[in-house]
């Protein structure tokens, strides 16, 4: 059986590379991103992370060994302690108010991406769940390191970059990639292909998440 991570990256390479070239990421790199857009992104991402954490919890529940349950459980803890802590600091410093939160509606792709993960969590096994989660880990790590080479003159953006380019995050990603390869190793060709497709869907949603945030998309239809 081929290595899952290598195969998944090759299958989604065009989409993967598009994330680095998205205007949101490029504007982060040079510090020109409108703070209003970043504020909207932070609120959307906090919403998304609830589903990201829920999928970890469902994977831990379905775990067939205590080691696997601990690994997914640790992913859940890391999500809420580290990433939501980061967003909590942004809520304070960007003066995101209760009024902002009361008026919040998830963007179309944030909503779709969240449901993609939750549906995998409810209906699929650990390997499929992790295939939906892995692009968020892996892509953010690579983008974090890419942006660390640019260092925009903006403390908010550098705080975000520091999180995703950190050693602890890279180690977490490495462990998740290794686990994904292990879980996919005994899958049939048909099951392996389904995992690749789930991974690629999440890479697409990662791109569209930037897109919704950058263009501040809502549910309106142009006439």
N, C-alpha and C. Protein backbone atom coordinates (compact mmCIF):
# COMPACT_ATOMS: atom_id res chain seq x y z
N UNK A 1 0.85 -1.20 0.00
CA UNK A 1 0.00 0.00 0.00
C UNK A 1 0.88 1.25 0.00
N UNK A 2 0.61 2.23 -0.86
CA UNK A 2 1.41 3.45 -0.91
C UNK A 2 1.27 4.27 0.37
N UNK A 3 2.23 5.15 0.59
CA UNK A 3 2.21 6.05 1.73
C UNK A 3 1.07 7.06 1.56
N UNK A 4 0.18 7.13 2.56
CA UNK A 4 -1.01 7.98 2.40
C UNK A 4 -0.65 9.45 2.24
N UNK A 5 0.19 9.97 3.13
CA UNK A 5 0.46 11.41 3.09
C UNK A 5 1.10 11.83 1.77
N UNK A 6 2.01 11.01 1.26
CA UNK A 6 2.61 11.32 -0.03
C UNK A 6 1.56 11.32 -1.14
N UNK A 7 0.71 10.30 -1.13
CA UNK A 7 -0.31 10.17 -2.17
C UNK A 7 -1.35 11.29 -2.06
N UNK A 8 -1.75 11.63 -0.84
CA UNK A 8 -2.76 12.66 -0.65
C UNK A 8 -2.25 14.03 -1.10
N UNK A 9 -1.00 14.33 -0.76
CA UNK A 9 -0.43 15.61 -1.18
C UNK A 9 -0.30 15.68 -2.69
N UNK A 10 0.13 14.59 -3.31
CA UNK A 10 0.26 14.58 -4.77
C UNK A 10 -1.10 14.76 -5.44
N UNK A 11 -2.14 14.14 -4.86
CA UNK A 11 -3.48 14.21 -5.46
C UNK A 11 -4.09 15.60 -5.34
N UNK A 12 -3.65 16.37 -4.35
CA UNK A 12 -4.24 17.69 -4.10
C UNK A 12 -3.24 18.82 -4.31
N UNK A 13 -2.13 18.56 -5.01
CA UNK A 13 -1.04 19.52 -5.09
C UNK A 13 -1.46 20.88 -5.63
N UNK A 14 -2.28 20.90 -6.67
CA UNK A 14 -2.70 22.18 -7.25
C UNK A 14 -3.50 22.99 -6.25
N UNK A 15 -4.45 22.34 -5.57
CA UNK A 15 -5.23 23.02 -4.54
C UNK A 15 -4.33 23.45 -3.39
N UNK A 16 -3.41 22.58 -3.00
CA UNK A 16 -2.49 22.87 -1.90
C UNK A 16 -1.70 24.14 -2.18
N UNK A 17 -1.11 24.21 -3.35
CA UNK A 17 -0.30 25.38 -3.71
C UNK A 17 -1.14 26.64 -3.80
N UNK A 18 -2.40 26.50 -4.23
CA UNK A 18 -3.28 27.66 -4.35
C UNK A 18 -3.49 28.34 -3.00
N UNK A 19 -3.46 27.58 -1.92
CA UNK A 19 -3.62 28.18 -0.59
C UNK A 19 -2.52 29.19 -0.29
N UNK A 20 -1.29 28.87 -0.68
CA UNK A 20 -0.18 29.77 -0.42
C UNK A 20 -0.29 31.06 -1.25
N UNK A 21 -0.92 30.95 -2.40
CA UNK A 21 -1.02 32.10 -3.29
C UNK A 21 -2.31 32.89 -3.10
N UNK A 22 -3.15 32.46 -2.17
CA UNK A 22 -4.40 33.17 -1.97
C UNK A 22 -4.13 34.60 -1.48
N UNK A 23 -4.92 35.60 -1.91
CA UNK A 23 -4.70 36.98 -1.48
C UNK A 23 -4.68 37.17 0.03
N UNK A 24 -5.48 36.37 0.76
CA UNK A 24 -5.47 36.47 2.23
C UNK A 24 -4.09 36.13 2.77
N UNK A 25 -3.52 35.02 2.34
CA UNK A 25 -2.21 34.59 2.82
C UNK A 25 -1.12 35.55 2.36
N UNK A 26 -1.20 36.00 1.12
CA UNK A 26 -0.20 36.94 0.62
C UNK A 26 -0.25 38.27 1.36
N UNK A 27 -1.47 38.70 1.71
CA UNK A 27 -1.61 39.95 2.47
C UNK A 27 -1.12 39.79 3.90
N UNK A 28 -1.26 38.58 4.46
CA UNK A 28 -0.63 38.30 5.76
C UNK A 28 0.89 38.42 5.66
N UNK A 29 1.43 37.90 4.56
CA UNK A 29 2.88 37.88 4.38
C UNK A 29 3.47 39.28 4.34
N UNK A 30 2.80 40.20 3.67
CA UNK A 30 3.37 41.56 3.55
C UNK A 30 2.75 42.54 4.55
N UNK A 31 1.85 42.06 5.39
CA UNK A 31 1.27 42.90 6.43
C UNK A 31 0.18 43.83 5.97
N UNK A 32 -0.27 43.68 4.72
CA UNK A 32 -1.25 44.61 4.17
C UNK A 32 -2.70 44.18 4.40
N UNK A 33 -2.90 43.01 5.03
CA UNK A 33 -4.26 42.52 5.24
C UNK A 33 -5.04 43.50 6.12
N UNK A 34 -6.23 43.88 5.65
CA UNK A 34 -7.11 44.77 6.40
C UNK A 34 -7.45 44.10 7.73
N UNK A 35 -7.28 44.84 8.83
CA UNK A 35 -7.54 44.29 10.15
C UNK A 35 -9.01 43.87 10.31
N UNK A 36 -9.90 44.55 9.60
CA UNK A 36 -11.32 44.17 9.64
C UNK A 36 -11.52 42.77 9.06
N UNK A 37 -10.78 42.45 8.00
CA UNK A 37 -10.86 41.12 7.40
C UNK A 37 -10.30 40.08 8.36
N UNK A 38 -9.18 40.41 9.00
CA UNK A 38 -8.59 39.47 9.95
C UNK A 38 -9.52 39.24 11.14
N UNK A 39 -10.16 40.28 11.59
CA UNK A 39 -11.12 40.16 12.70
C UNK A 39 -12.26 39.21 12.32
N UNK A 40 -12.78 39.36 11.11
CA UNK A 40 -13.83 38.46 10.64
C UNK A 40 -13.35 37.03 10.54
N UNK A 41 -12.11 36.87 10.09
CA UNK A 41 -11.52 35.53 9.99
C UNK A 41 -11.42 34.88 11.37
N UNK A 42 -10.98 35.63 12.36
CA UNK A 42 -10.81 35.09 13.72
C UNK A 42 -12.14 34.57 14.25
N UNK A 43 -13.22 35.32 14.03
CA UNK A 43 -14.54 34.88 14.51
C UNK A 43 -14.97 33.62 13.78
N UNK A 44 -14.76 33.58 12.46
CA UNK A 44 -15.11 32.39 11.68
C UNK A 44 -14.28 31.19 12.13
N UNK A 45 -13.00 31.42 12.42
CA UNK A 45 -12.12 30.32 12.78
C UNK A 45 -12.47 29.75 14.15
N UNK A 46 -12.89 30.62 15.07
CA UNK A 46 -13.31 30.15 16.39
C UNK A 46 -14.53 29.25 16.25
N UNK A 47 -15.43 29.61 15.35
CA UNK A 47 -16.60 28.76 15.06
C UNK A 47 -16.15 27.42 14.48
N UNK A 48 -15.24 27.46 13.52
CA UNK A 48 -14.74 26.25 12.88
C UNK A 48 -14.08 25.31 13.88
N UNK A 49 -13.31 25.86 14.81
CA UNK A 49 -12.55 25.03 15.74
C UNK A 49 -13.45 24.22 16.67
N UNK A 50 -14.69 24.67 16.86
CA UNK A 50 -15.62 23.86 17.65
C UNK A 50 -15.89 22.52 16.96
N UNK A 51 -16.07 22.55 15.65
CA UNK A 51 -16.29 21.31 14.89
C UNK A 51 -15.01 20.51 14.77
N UNK A 52 -13.89 21.19 14.63
CA UNK A 52 -12.59 20.53 14.59
C UNK A 52 -12.37 19.74 15.88
N UNK A 53 -12.67 20.35 17.01
CA UNK A 53 -12.55 19.67 18.28
C UNK A 53 -13.55 18.54 18.44
N UNK A 54 -14.78 18.75 17.98
CA UNK A 54 -15.81 17.72 18.09
C UNK A 54 -15.43 16.48 17.30
N UNK A 55 -14.83 16.67 16.13
CA UNK A 55 -14.40 15.52 15.32
C UNK A 55 -13.31 14.72 16.03
N UNK A 56 -12.41 15.40 16.72
CA UNK A 56 -11.40 14.70 17.52
C UNK A 56 -12.07 13.86 18.61
N UNK A 57 -13.07 14.44 19.27
CA UNK A 57 -13.76 13.73 20.35
C UNK A 57 -14.46 12.49 19.81
N UNK A 58 -15.07 12.60 18.65
CA UNK A 58 -15.75 11.46 18.05
C UNK A 58 -14.75 10.38 17.62
N UNK A 59 -13.59 10.80 17.13
CA UNK A 59 -12.55 9.83 16.77
C UNK A 59 -12.04 9.12 18.01
N UNK A 60 -11.86 9.86 19.11
CA UNK A 60 -11.41 9.24 20.36
C UNK A 60 -12.45 8.23 20.86
N UNK A 61 -13.72 8.57 20.72
CA UNK A 61 -14.79 7.66 21.13
C UNK A 61 -14.76 6.36 20.33
N UNK A 62 -14.40 6.46 19.06
CA UNK A 62 -14.38 5.29 18.18
C UNK A 62 -13.04 4.54 18.21
N UNK A 63 -12.10 5.04 18.97
CA UNK A 63 -10.76 4.44 19.00
C UNK A 63 -10.81 2.99 19.44
N UNK A 64 -9.99 2.17 18.81
CA UNK A 64 -9.96 0.73 19.10
C UNK A 64 -8.91 0.36 20.12
N UNK A 65 -8.04 1.31 20.48
CA UNK A 65 -7.03 1.08 21.52
C UNK A 65 -6.95 2.31 22.41
N UNK A 66 -6.42 2.12 23.61
CA UNK A 66 -6.27 3.25 24.52
C UNK A 66 -5.27 4.27 23.97
N UNK A 67 -4.23 3.80 23.28
CA UNK A 67 -3.24 4.73 22.71
C UNK A 67 -3.88 5.65 21.68
N UNK A 68 -4.75 5.09 20.83
CA UNK A 68 -5.42 5.91 19.83
C UNK A 68 -6.40 6.89 20.48
N UNK A 69 -7.09 6.43 21.51
CA UNK A 69 -8.01 7.32 22.22
C UNK A 69 -7.27 8.49 22.83
N UNK A 70 -6.10 8.20 23.42
CA UNK A 70 -5.29 9.26 24.02
C UNK A 70 -4.80 10.24 22.96
N UNK A 71 -4.39 9.71 21.79
CA UNK A 71 -3.84 10.59 20.74
C UNK A 71 -4.90 11.56 20.23
N UNK A 72 -6.10 11.04 19.97
CA UNK A 72 -7.16 11.94 19.51
C UNK A 72 -7.65 12.84 20.64
N UNK A 73 -7.66 12.31 21.86
CA UNK A 73 -8.04 13.13 23.00
C UNK A 73 -7.08 14.27 23.21
N UNK A 74 -5.78 14.00 23.01
CA UNK A 74 -4.78 15.05 23.14
C UNK A 74 -4.95 16.10 22.06
N UNK A 75 -5.34 15.65 20.86
CA UNK A 75 -5.63 16.61 19.80
C UNK A 75 -6.77 17.54 20.18
N UNK A 76 -7.77 16.98 20.86
CA UNK A 76 -8.89 17.79 21.35
C UNK A 76 -8.42 18.81 22.37
N UNK A 77 -7.59 18.36 23.33
CA UNK A 77 -7.08 19.25 24.36
C UNK A 77 -6.23 20.36 23.74
N UNK A 78 -5.36 19.98 22.80
CA UNK A 78 -4.50 20.97 22.15
C UNK A 78 -5.34 22.03 21.43
N UNK A 79 -6.42 21.57 20.79
CA UNK A 79 -7.28 22.51 20.06
C UNK A 79 -7.85 23.56 20.99
N UNK A 80 -8.43 23.11 22.08
CA UNK A 80 -9.11 24.06 22.95
C UNK A 80 -8.17 24.85 23.84
N UNK A 81 -7.05 24.28 24.22
CA UNK A 81 -6.12 24.99 25.08
C UNK A 81 -5.22 25.95 24.31
N UNK A 82 -4.79 25.55 23.14
CA UNK A 82 -3.81 26.34 22.40
C UNK A 82 -4.45 27.24 21.35
N UNK A 83 -5.19 26.65 20.43
CA UNK A 83 -5.72 27.46 19.34
C UNK A 83 -6.85 28.37 19.80
N UNK A 84 -7.74 27.86 20.65
CA UNK A 84 -8.81 28.73 21.13
C UNK A 84 -8.27 29.78 22.11
N UNK A 85 -7.18 29.47 22.80
CA UNK A 85 -6.52 30.48 23.64
C UNK A 85 -5.96 31.60 22.77
N UNK A 86 -5.37 31.22 21.64
CA UNK A 86 -4.88 32.22 20.69
C UNK A 86 -6.03 33.11 20.22
N UNK A 87 -7.13 32.47 19.86
CA UNK A 87 -8.26 33.27 19.38
C UNK A 87 -8.87 34.11 20.49
N UNK A 88 -8.83 33.59 21.72
CA UNK A 88 -9.33 34.38 22.84
C UNK A 88 -8.53 35.66 23.02
N UNK A 89 -7.21 35.57 22.83
CA UNK A 89 -6.38 36.77 22.94
C UNK A 89 -6.71 37.75 21.82
N UNK A 90 -7.00 37.23 20.65
CA UNK A 90 -7.39 38.10 19.54
C UNK A 90 -8.75 38.76 19.82
N UNK A 91 -9.66 38.00 20.43
CA UNK A 91 -10.97 38.57 20.77
C UNK A 91 -10.77 39.82 21.64
N UNK A 92 -9.86 39.70 22.60
CA UNK A 92 -9.62 40.83 23.51
C UNK A 92 -8.93 41.98 22.80
N UNK A 93 -7.85 41.69 22.10
CA UNK A 93 -7.03 42.74 21.52
C UNK A 93 -7.69 43.40 20.30
N UNK A 94 -8.51 42.64 19.59
CA UNK A 94 -9.22 43.20 18.44
C UNK A 94 -10.58 43.78 18.82
N UNK A 95 -10.87 43.75 20.13
CA UNK A 95 -12.10 44.30 20.68
C UNK A 95 -13.34 43.70 20.01
N UNK A 96 -13.31 42.36 19.91
CA UNK A 96 -14.48 41.65 19.40
C UNK A 96 -15.50 41.58 20.52
N UNK A 97 -16.63 42.21 20.32
CA UNK A 97 -17.63 42.39 21.37
C UNK A 97 -18.71 41.32 21.32
N UNK A 98 -19.53 41.29 22.35
CA UNK A 98 -20.67 40.39 22.36
C UNK A 98 -21.63 40.73 21.24
N UNK A 99 -21.70 42.00 20.90
CA UNK A 99 -22.54 42.41 19.77
C UNK A 99 -22.04 41.79 18.48
N UNK A 100 -20.71 41.76 18.30
CA UNK A 100 -20.12 41.12 17.12
C UNK A 100 -20.50 39.64 17.08
N UNK A 101 -20.42 38.98 18.24
CA UNK A 101 -20.70 37.55 18.29
C UNK A 101 -22.18 37.27 18.09
N UNK A 102 -23.04 38.13 18.62
CA UNK A 102 -24.48 37.95 18.45
C UNK A 102 -24.90 38.10 16.99
N UNK A 103 -24.16 38.93 16.27
CA UNK A 103 -24.47 39.18 14.85
C UNK A 103 -23.79 38.17 13.93
N UNK A 104 -22.99 37.29 14.50
CA UNK A 104 -22.21 36.36 13.70
C UNK A 104 -23.07 35.30 13.01
N UNK A 105 -22.76 35.06 11.75
CA UNK A 105 -23.31 33.94 10.99
C UNK A 105 -22.14 33.29 10.27
N UNK A 106 -21.98 31.98 10.38
CA UNK A 106 -20.87 31.35 9.66
C UNK A 106 -20.99 31.57 8.17
N UNK A 107 -19.87 31.80 7.53
CA UNK A 107 -19.87 31.96 6.08
C UNK A 107 -20.23 30.63 5.42
N UNK A 108 -20.64 30.65 4.15
CA UNK A 108 -21.06 29.40 3.49
C UNK A 108 -20.02 28.29 3.58
N UNK A 109 -18.75 28.62 3.34
CA UNK A 109 -17.74 27.56 3.33
C UNK A 109 -17.27 27.18 4.73
N UNK A 110 -17.32 28.11 5.68
CA UNK A 110 -17.03 27.74 7.06
C UNK A 110 -18.09 26.76 7.56
N UNK A 111 -19.33 27.01 7.19
CA UNK A 111 -20.43 26.13 7.56
C UNK A 111 -20.27 24.76 6.89
N UNK A 112 -19.95 24.76 5.61
CA UNK A 112 -19.81 23.50 4.88
C UNK A 112 -18.62 22.70 5.39
N UNK A 113 -17.51 23.37 5.65
CA UNK A 113 -16.31 22.70 6.15
C UNK A 113 -16.57 22.08 7.52
N UNK A 114 -17.24 22.83 8.38
CA UNK A 114 -17.56 22.31 9.71
C UNK A 114 -18.44 21.08 9.61
N UNK A 115 -19.42 21.10 8.74
CA UNK A 115 -20.30 19.95 8.59
C UNK A 115 -19.58 18.77 7.94
N UNK A 116 -18.64 19.05 7.07
CA UNK A 116 -17.80 18.00 6.47
C UNK A 116 -17.09 17.21 7.57
N UNK A 117 -16.54 17.92 8.56
CA UNK A 117 -15.84 17.25 9.66
C UNK A 117 -16.81 16.53 10.59
N UNK A 118 -17.91 17.19 10.92
CA UNK A 118 -18.87 16.57 11.84
C UNK A 118 -19.51 15.32 11.23
N UNK A 119 -19.80 15.38 9.94
CA UNK A 119 -20.38 14.22 9.27
C UNK A 119 -19.40 13.06 9.27
N UNK A 120 -18.13 13.36 9.01
CA UNK A 120 -17.10 12.31 9.07
C UNK A 120 -17.03 11.73 10.48
N UNK A 121 -17.11 12.59 11.48
CA UNK A 121 -17.05 12.13 12.85
C UNK A 121 -18.19 11.21 13.23
N UNK A 122 -19.37 11.52 12.76
CA UNK A 122 -20.54 10.71 13.10
C UNK A 122 -20.61 9.41 12.29
N UNK A 123 -20.24 9.47 11.02
CA UNK A 123 -20.54 8.36 10.11
C UNK A 123 -19.35 7.47 9.76
N UNK A 124 -18.12 7.93 10.00
CA UNK A 124 -16.95 7.23 9.46
C UNK A 124 -16.02 6.74 10.57
N UNK A 125 -14.99 5.99 10.17
CA UNK A 125 -14.04 5.47 11.14
C UNK A 125 -12.91 6.47 11.40
N UNK A 126 -11.97 6.07 12.27
CA UNK A 126 -10.90 6.97 12.67
C UNK A 126 -10.06 7.45 11.50
N UNK A 127 -9.77 6.57 10.57
CA UNK A 127 -8.93 6.95 9.43
C UNK A 127 -9.60 8.02 8.59
N UNK A 128 -10.88 7.86 8.34
CA UNK A 128 -11.61 8.84 7.53
C UNK A 128 -11.70 10.18 8.27
N UNK A 129 -11.96 10.11 9.58
CA UNK A 129 -12.03 11.35 10.35
C UNK A 129 -10.71 12.10 10.27
N UNK A 130 -9.61 11.38 10.48
CA UNK A 130 -8.31 12.04 10.45
C UNK A 130 -7.97 12.57 9.06
N UNK A 131 -8.41 11.88 8.03
CA UNK A 131 -8.18 12.38 6.67
C UNK A 131 -8.85 13.73 6.46
N UNK A 132 -9.99 13.95 7.11
CA UNK A 132 -10.67 15.26 6.99
C UNK A 132 -9.98 16.33 7.84
N UNK A 133 -9.33 15.91 8.93
CA UNK A 133 -8.71 16.87 9.85
C UNK A 133 -7.28 17.24 9.46
N UNK A 134 -6.57 16.32 8.84
CA UNK A 134 -5.15 16.48 8.62
C UNK A 134 -4.77 17.72 7.79
N UNK A 135 -5.53 18.08 6.73
CA UNK A 135 -5.12 19.27 5.99
C UNK A 135 -5.04 20.53 6.83
N UNK A 136 -5.92 20.66 7.80
CA UNK A 136 -5.87 21.85 8.67
C UNK A 136 -4.56 21.88 9.43
N UNK A 137 -4.18 20.77 10.04
CA UNK A 137 -2.91 20.69 10.73
C UNK A 137 -1.74 21.00 9.79
N UNK A 138 -1.67 20.22 8.75
CA UNK A 138 -0.49 20.18 7.88
C UNK A 138 -0.34 21.48 7.09
N UNK A 139 -1.45 21.96 6.53
CA UNK A 139 -1.39 23.17 5.71
C UNK A 139 -1.05 24.39 6.56
N UNK A 140 -1.64 24.48 7.75
CA UNK A 140 -1.33 25.63 8.60
C UNK A 140 0.12 25.61 9.05
N UNK A 141 0.67 24.42 9.28
CA UNK A 141 2.08 24.36 9.64
C UNK A 141 2.95 24.87 8.50
N UNK A 142 2.68 24.41 7.29
CA UNK A 142 3.50 24.83 6.15
C UNK A 142 3.33 26.33 5.86
N UNK A 143 2.11 26.82 5.97
CA UNK A 143 1.88 28.25 5.76
C UNK A 143 2.53 29.06 6.88
N UNK A 144 2.47 28.52 8.11
CA UNK A 144 3.13 29.21 9.22
C UNK A 144 4.62 29.38 8.97
N UNK A 145 5.28 28.32 8.49
CA UNK A 145 6.72 28.41 8.21
C UNK A 145 6.99 29.31 7.00
N UNK A 146 6.11 29.26 6.02
CA UNK A 146 6.25 30.16 4.86
C UNK A 146 6.16 31.62 5.30
N UNK A 147 5.18 31.94 6.14
CA UNK A 147 5.00 33.32 6.57
C UNK A 147 6.11 33.76 7.53
N UNK A 148 6.68 32.80 8.27
CA UNK A 148 7.77 33.14 9.19
C UNK A 148 8.98 33.69 8.46
N UNK A 149 9.10 33.39 7.18
CA UNK A 149 10.21 33.90 6.39
C UNK A 149 9.98 35.36 5.98
N UNK A 150 8.75 35.86 6.14
CA UNK A 150 8.42 37.21 5.70
C UNK A 150 8.32 38.21 6.85
N UNK A 151 7.72 37.78 7.94
CA UNK A 151 7.60 38.61 9.13
C UNK A 151 7.02 40.00 8.84
N UNK A 152 5.70 40.09 8.67
CA UNK A 152 5.08 41.39 8.44
C UNK A 152 5.21 42.29 9.66
N UNK A 153 5.14 43.57 9.44
CA UNK A 153 5.24 44.53 10.53
C UNK A 153 3.87 44.72 11.17
N UNK A 154 3.39 43.64 11.80
CA UNK A 154 2.08 43.67 12.44
C UNK A 154 2.08 42.66 13.59
N UNK A 155 1.90 43.12 14.83
CA UNK A 155 2.00 42.19 15.97
C UNK A 155 0.93 41.12 15.99
N UNK A 156 -0.28 41.44 15.49
CA UNK A 156 -1.36 40.45 15.45
C UNK A 156 -1.00 39.31 14.50
N UNK A 157 -0.52 39.67 13.33
CA UNK A 157 -0.21 38.66 12.33
C UNK A 157 1.00 37.84 12.74
N UNK A 158 1.97 38.47 13.38
CA UNK A 158 3.14 37.72 13.84
C UNK A 158 2.79 36.76 14.97
N UNK A 159 1.83 37.11 15.81
CA UNK A 159 1.38 36.20 16.86
C UNK A 159 0.75 34.95 16.24
N UNK A 160 -0.04 35.16 15.20
CA UNK A 160 -0.67 34.04 14.47
C UNK A 160 0.43 33.17 13.85
N UNK A 161 1.40 33.81 13.21
CA UNK A 161 2.50 33.09 12.55
C UNK A 161 3.32 32.31 13.57
N UNK A 162 3.59 32.91 14.72
CA UNK A 162 4.40 32.25 15.75
C UNK A 162 3.75 30.95 16.22
N UNK A 163 2.43 30.94 16.30
CA UNK A 163 1.72 29.73 16.75
C UNK A 163 1.92 28.59 15.76
N UNK A 164 1.70 28.86 14.49
CA UNK A 164 1.69 27.79 13.50
C UNK A 164 3.08 27.45 12.94
N UNK A 165 4.08 28.25 13.28
CA UNK A 165 5.45 27.92 12.89
C UNK A 165 6.26 27.41 14.08
N UNK A 166 5.60 27.19 15.21
CA UNK A 166 6.30 26.79 16.43
C UNK A 166 6.71 25.33 16.38
N UNK A 167 7.70 25.00 17.19
CA UNK A 167 8.18 23.61 17.24
C UNK A 167 7.11 22.66 17.77
N UNK A 168 6.36 23.10 18.79
CA UNK A 168 5.35 22.21 19.35
C UNK A 168 4.27 21.89 18.33
N UNK A 169 3.90 22.87 17.49
CA UNK A 169 2.88 22.62 16.49
C UNK A 169 3.43 21.69 15.41
N UNK A 170 4.67 21.90 14.99
CA UNK A 170 5.28 21.03 13.98
C UNK A 170 5.37 19.58 14.47
N UNK A 171 5.69 19.40 15.74
CA UNK A 171 5.75 18.05 16.28
C UNK A 171 4.37 17.41 16.31
N UNK A 172 3.36 18.19 16.64
CA UNK A 172 2.00 17.68 16.64
C UNK A 172 1.58 17.25 15.24
N UNK A 173 1.93 18.05 14.25
CA UNK A 173 1.61 17.71 12.86
C UNK A 173 2.33 16.44 12.43
N UNK A 174 3.60 16.32 12.82
CA UNK A 174 4.36 15.12 12.46
C UNK A 174 3.68 13.87 13.02
N UNK A 175 3.25 13.95 14.26
CA UNK A 175 2.58 12.81 14.88
C UNK A 175 1.27 12.47 14.17
N UNK A 176 0.52 13.49 13.79
CA UNK A 176 -0.75 13.24 13.10
C UNK A 176 -0.52 12.63 11.72
N UNK A 177 0.52 13.07 11.02
CA UNK A 177 0.84 12.50 9.71
C UNK A 177 1.25 11.03 9.85
N UNK A 178 2.07 10.75 10.85
CA UNK A 178 2.48 9.37 11.09
C UNK A 178 1.27 8.49 11.41
N UNK A 179 0.37 9.02 12.24
CA UNK A 179 -0.83 8.28 12.60
C UNK A 179 -1.71 8.04 11.38
N UNK A 180 -1.83 9.04 10.52
CA UNK A 180 -2.63 8.89 9.32
C UNK A 180 -2.07 7.79 8.43
N UNK A 181 -0.77 7.76 8.26
CA UNK A 181 -0.15 6.70 7.45
C UNK A 181 -0.42 5.32 8.05
N UNK A 182 -0.38 5.24 9.37
CA UNK A 182 -0.65 3.96 10.03
C UNK A 182 -2.10 3.51 9.83
N UNK A 183 -3.02 4.43 10.02
CA UNK A 183 -4.44 4.09 9.92
C UNK A 183 -4.85 3.72 8.49
N UNK A 184 -4.15 4.29 7.51
CA UNK A 184 -4.49 4.02 6.11
C UNK A 184 -3.81 2.77 5.56
N UNK A 185 -2.84 2.24 6.30
CA UNK A 185 -1.98 1.19 5.75
C UNK A 185 -2.73 -0.09 5.39
N UNK A 186 -3.78 -0.42 6.13
CA UNK A 186 -4.47 -1.69 5.87
C UNK A 186 -5.79 -1.51 5.12
N UNK A 187 -5.99 -0.35 4.53
CA UNK A 187 -7.22 -0.09 3.80
C UNK A 187 -7.19 -0.73 2.40
N UNK A 188 -8.37 -1.10 1.92
CA UNK A 188 -8.47 -1.60 0.56
C UNK A 188 -8.24 -0.45 -0.42
N UNK A 189 -7.96 -0.74 -1.68
CA UNK A 189 -7.77 0.35 -2.66
C UNK A 189 -8.97 1.30 -2.71
N UNK A 190 -10.18 0.75 -2.58
CA UNK A 190 -11.39 1.59 -2.62
C UNK A 190 -11.46 2.48 -1.38
N UNK A 191 -11.15 1.92 -0.24
CA UNK A 191 -11.17 2.70 1.00
C UNK A 191 -10.06 3.75 0.99
N UNK A 192 -8.90 3.39 0.48
CA UNK A 192 -7.78 4.32 0.39
C UNK A 192 -8.15 5.51 -0.49
N UNK A 193 -8.81 5.23 -1.61
CA UNK A 193 -9.24 6.29 -2.52
C UNK A 193 -10.25 7.22 -1.85
N UNK A 194 -11.12 6.65 -1.01
CA UNK A 194 -12.10 7.47 -0.30
C UNK A 194 -11.41 8.40 0.70
N UNK A 195 -10.36 7.90 1.32
CA UNK A 195 -9.59 8.73 2.25
C UNK A 195 -8.90 9.88 1.51
N UNK A 196 -8.34 9.58 0.36
CA UNK A 196 -7.70 10.62 -0.46
C UNK A 196 -8.72 11.69 -0.83
N UNK A 197 -9.92 11.26 -1.20
CA UNK A 197 -10.96 12.23 -1.59
C UNK A 197 -11.36 13.10 -0.41
N UNK A 198 -11.50 12.51 0.77
CA UNK A 198 -11.86 13.29 1.96
C UNK A 198 -10.78 14.32 2.27
N UNK A 199 -9.52 13.92 2.15
CA UNK A 199 -8.39 14.83 2.36
C UNK A 199 -8.46 15.99 1.36
N UNK A 200 -8.67 15.65 0.11
CA UNK A 200 -8.70 16.68 -0.94
C UNK A 200 -9.86 17.65 -0.73
N UNK A 201 -11.00 17.13 -0.28
CA UNK A 201 -12.14 18.01 0.02
C UNK A 201 -11.75 19.03 1.08
N UNK A 202 -11.04 18.59 2.11
CA UNK A 202 -10.65 19.51 3.17
C UNK A 202 -9.64 20.55 2.68
N UNK A 203 -8.75 20.15 1.79
CA UNK A 203 -7.81 21.12 1.21
C UNK A 203 -8.59 22.18 0.43
N UNK A 204 -9.61 21.75 -0.29
CA UNK A 204 -10.47 22.70 -1.01
C UNK A 204 -11.15 23.66 -0.03
N UNK A 205 -11.71 23.11 1.04
CA UNK A 205 -12.39 23.96 2.01
C UNK A 205 -11.42 24.91 2.71
N UNK A 206 -10.17 24.49 2.90
CA UNK A 206 -9.19 25.41 3.46
C UNK A 206 -9.02 26.63 2.55
N UNK A 207 -8.92 26.38 1.26
CA UNK A 207 -8.80 27.49 0.31
C UNK A 207 -10.03 28.39 0.36
N UNK A 208 -11.20 27.77 0.37
CA UNK A 208 -12.43 28.55 0.36
C UNK A 208 -12.67 29.27 1.68
N UNK A 209 -12.09 28.76 2.77
CA UNK A 209 -12.18 29.46 4.05
C UNK A 209 -11.46 30.81 3.97
N UNK A 210 -10.23 30.78 3.40
CA UNK A 210 -9.53 32.05 3.16
C UNK A 210 -10.39 32.97 2.28
N UNK A 211 -10.96 32.37 1.25
CA UNK A 211 -11.71 33.13 0.25
C UNK A 211 -12.91 33.83 0.86
N UNK A 212 -13.69 33.09 1.65
CA UNK A 212 -14.85 33.69 2.31
C UNK A 212 -14.41 34.83 3.22
N UNK A 213 -13.32 34.62 3.97
CA UNK A 213 -12.85 35.64 4.89
C UNK A 213 -12.36 36.88 4.14
N UNK A 214 -11.57 36.66 3.09
CA UNK A 214 -10.97 37.79 2.37
C UNK A 214 -12.04 38.64 1.67
N UNK A 215 -12.98 37.98 1.04
CA UNK A 215 -14.02 38.70 0.30
C UNK A 215 -15.27 38.94 1.13
N UNK A 216 -15.20 38.57 2.41
CA UNK A 216 -16.28 38.80 3.38
C UNK A 216 -17.63 38.31 2.83
N UNK A 217 -17.60 37.07 2.36
CA UNK A 217 -18.81 36.48 1.77
C UNK A 217 -19.83 36.11 2.83
N UNK A 218 -21.10 36.35 2.47
CA UNK A 218 -22.18 35.88 3.30
C UNK A 218 -23.12 35.04 2.43
N UNK A 219 -24.39 34.96 2.81
CA UNK A 219 -25.31 34.09 2.11
C UNK A 219 -26.13 34.82 1.03
N UNK A 220 -25.72 36.03 0.74
CA UNK A 220 -26.45 36.82 -0.27
C UNK A 220 -26.17 36.29 -1.66
N UNK A 221 -27.12 36.42 -2.54
CA UNK A 221 -27.00 36.03 -3.94
C UNK A 221 -27.08 37.27 -4.81
N UNK A 222 -26.09 37.44 -5.67
CA UNK A 222 -26.10 38.61 -6.56
C UNK A 222 -27.19 38.43 -7.61
N UNK A 223 -27.92 39.50 -7.84
CA UNK A 223 -28.99 39.45 -8.85
C UNK A 223 -28.56 40.17 -10.12
